[in-house]
Amino acid sequence: MITDRSLYLLGSSARQHSLVAPGLCGAWFAGSGPSRYGDFTLNYNFQAIFYGAYSTNHADSAMPYYRAILDYANGPGLVDAAKYNCR
C-alpha cells in the first residue's frame, strides 16, 4: 500500500525534470557516505523506487527512470551489445 510518506519521498527525490534518478536508497542516507556508493543498477531494485508512481497518478515522477534507461541504451548499452554480438 502506498502511503502519503512514500509519495513524499518519491516526489522529493525524483521529479519530472530531474537529470539524475535517485540511487537505491533515495537521496537520504545515515552515515558518513552514501550506501552502495550512491549508485543504482538497472534491475528490479532500480525499478522498485517508481512502483507507486503510476497507481497514484504521479507518472511524471517516473521520468528520471526513463531518462536513465535511455541514457544507458544509447551509450554504454550499445557498447555492451556489440561486445556480446547483439543487435
C-alpha atoms as a PDB file:
ATOM      1  CA  MET A   1       0.000   0.000   0.000  1.00  0.00           C
ATOM      2  CA  ILE A   2       1.352   3.393  -0.965  1.00  0.00           C
ATOM      3  CA  THR A   3       1.302   5.864   1.883  1.00  0.00           C
ATOM      4  CA  ASP A   4       1.498   9.630   1.849  1.00  0.00           C
ATOM      5  CA  ARG A   5       5.008   9.337   3.293  1.00  0.00           C
ATOM      6  CA  SER A   6       6.098   7.130   0.378  1.00  0.00           C
ATOM      7  CA  LEU A   7       4.709   9.628  -2.112  1.00  0.00           C
ATOM      8  CA  TYR A   8       6.542  12.442  -0.359  1.00  0.00           C
ATOM      9  CA  LEU A   9       9.827  10.528  -0.562  1.00  0.00           C
ATOM     10  CA  LEU A  10       9.276   9.731  -4.242  1.00  0.00           C
ATOM     11  CA  GLY A  11       8.286  13.302  -5.071  1.00  0.00           C
ATOM     12  CA  SER A  12      11.206  14.835  -3.235  1.00  0.00           C
ATOM     13  CA  SER A  13      13.837  12.559  -4.769  1.00  0.00           C
ATOM     14  CA  ALA A  14      12.507  12.102  -8.327  1.00  0.00           C
ATOM     15  CA  ARG A  15      10.921  14.943 -10.245  1.00  0.00           C
ATOM     16  CA  GLN A  16       9.907  15.140 -13.876  1.00  0.00           C
ATOM     17  CA  HIS A  17      12.816  17.382 -14.887  1.00  0.00           C
ATOM     18  CA  SER A  18      15.454  15.726 -12.689  1.00  0.00           C
ATOM     19  CA  LEU A  19      18.617  14.976 -14.633  1.00  0.00           C
ATOM     20  CA  VAL A  20      19.628  12.074 -12.420  1.00  0.00           C
ATOM     21  CA  ALA A  21      17.437   9.401 -10.877  1.00  0.00           C
ATOM     22  CA  PRO A  22      17.812   8.739  -7.155  1.00  0.00           C
ATOM     23  CA  GLY A  23      20.076   5.928  -6.003  1.00  0.00           C
ATOM     24  CA  LEU A  24      18.743   2.759  -4.410  1.00  0.00           C
ATOM     25  CA  CYS A  25      18.462   4.468  -1.019  1.00  0.00           C
ATOM     26  CA  GLY A  26      16.983   7.663  -2.412  1.00  0.00           C
ATOM     27  CA  ALA A  27      18.575  10.958  -1.561  1.00  0.00           C
ATOM     28  CA  TRP A  28      18.839  10.063   2.127  1.00  0.00           C
ATOM     29  CA  PHE A  29      21.387   8.015   3.974  1.00  0.00           C
ATOM     30  CA  ALA A  30      22.671   7.864   7.515  1.00  0.00           C
ATOM     31  CA  GLY A  31      26.387   7.794   7.976  1.00  0.00           C
ATOM     32  CA  SER A  32      29.478   9.344   6.522  1.00  0.00           C
ATOM     33  CA  GLY A  33      28.869   8.207   2.932  1.00  0.00           C
ATOM     34  CA  PRO A  34      26.041   7.007   0.707  1.00  0.00           C
ATOM     35  CA  SER A  35      25.006   3.366   0.768  1.00  0.00           C
ATOM     36  CA  ARG A  36      26.144   1.333  -2.207  1.00  0.00           C
ATOM     37  CA  TYR A  37      28.351   4.254  -3.186  1.00  0.00           C
ATOM     38  CA  GLY A  38      25.253   6.199  -4.273  1.00  0.00           C
ATOM     39  CA  ASP A  39      24.898   4.181  -7.479  1.00  0.00           C
ATOM     40  CA  PHE A  40      21.998   2.277  -8.941  1.00  0.00           C
ATOM     41  CA  THR A  41      21.675  -0.858 -11.001  1.00  0.00           C
ATOM     42  CA  LEU A  42      19.296  -1.208 -13.919  1.00  0.00           C
ATOM     43  CA  ASN A  43      17.299  -4.109 -12.498  1.00  0.00           C
ATOM     44  CA  TYR A  44      14.188  -4.535 -10.375  1.00  0.00           C
ATOM     45  CA  ASN A  45      15.834  -2.742  -7.441  1.00  0.00           C
ATOM     46  CA  PHE A  46      16.061   0.417  -9.526  1.00  0.00           C
ATOM     47  CA  GLN A  47      12.513  -0.032 -10.852  1.00  0.00           C
ATOM     48  CA  ALA A  48      11.092  -0.552  -7.356  1.00  0.00           C
ATOM     49  CA  ILE A  49      11.655   3.093  -6.490  1.00  0.00           C
ATOM     50  CA  PHE A  50       8.998   4.021  -9.054  1.00  0.00           C
ATOM     51  CA  TYR A  51       6.388   1.271  -8.437  1.00  0.00           C
ATOM     52  CA  GLY A  52       3.845   3.596  -6.874  1.00  0.00           C
ATOM     53  CA  ALA A  53       4.176   6.410  -9.398  1.00  0.00           C
ATOM     54  CA  TYR A  54       1.513   5.108 -11.773  1.00  0.00           C
ATOM     55  CA  SER A  55      -1.030   3.673  -9.331  1.00  0.00           C
ATOM     56  CA  THR A  56      -1.149   7.020  -7.507  1.00  0.00           C
ATOM     57  CA  ASN A  57      -1.368   9.121 -10.681  1.00  0.00           C
ATOM     58  CA  HIS A  58       2.124  10.588 -10.302  1.00  0.00           C
ATOM     59  CA  ALA A  59       3.538   9.253 -13.575  1.00  0.00           C
ATOM     60  CA  ASP A  60       5.672  12.370 -14.048  1.00  0.00           C
ATOM     61  CA  SER A  61       7.771  11.220 -11.073  1.00  0.00           C
ATOM     62  CA  ALA A  62       8.921   8.230 -13.146  1.00  0.00           C
ATOM     63  CA  MET A  63      10.610  10.353 -15.831  1.00  0.00           C
ATOM     64  CA  PRO A  64      14.102  10.067 -14.247  1.00  0.00           C
ATOM     65  CA  TYR A  65      13.757   6.269 -14.591  1.00  0.00           C
ATOM     66  CA  TYR A  66      13.141   6.504 -18.322  1.00  0.00           C
ATOM     67  CA  ARG A  67      15.948   9.022 -18.735  1.00  0.00           C
ATOM     68  CA  ALA A  68      18.404   6.632 -17.049  1.00  0.00           C
ATOM     69  CA  ILE A  69      17.293   3.688 -19.203  1.00  0.00           C
ATOM     70  CA  LEU A  70      17.523   5.687 -22.436  1.00  0.00           C
ATOM     71  CA  ASP A  71      20.909   7.151 -21.487  1.00  0.00           C
ATOM     72  CA  TYR A  72      22.227   3.641 -20.924  1.00  0.00           C
ATOM     73  CA  ALA A  73      20.651   2.208 -24.078  1.00  0.00           C
ATOM     74  CA  ASN A  74      22.086   4.954 -26.288  1.00  0.00           C
ATOM     75  CA  GLY A  75      25.553   4.943 -24.727  1.00  0.00           C
ATOM     76  CA  PRO A  76      27.098   2.062 -22.781  1.00  0.00           C
ATOM     77  CA  GLY A  77      24.276  -0.237 -23.883  1.00  0.00           C
ATOM     78  CA  LEU A  78      25.435  -0.027 -27.487  1.00  0.00           C
ATOM     79  CA  VAL A  79      28.972  -0.952 -26.443  1.00  0.00           C
ATOM     80  CA  ASP A  80      27.710  -3.878 -24.370  1.00  0.00           C
ATOM     81  CA  ALA A  81      25.508  -5.092 -27.230  1.00  0.00           C
ATOM     82  CA  ALA A  82      28.435  -5.037 -29.665  1.00  0.00           C
ATOM     83  CA  LYS A  83      30.639  -6.821 -27.137  1.00  0.00           C
ATOM     84  CA  TYR A  84      28.160  -9.719 -26.938  1.00  0.00           C
ATOM     85  CA  ASN A  85      27.237  -9.672 -30.650  1.00  0.00           C
ATOM     86  CA  CYS A  86      23.677  -8.481 -30.003  1.00  0.00           C
ATOM     87  CA  ARG A  87      21.672  -6.143 -32.198  1.00  0.00           C
END
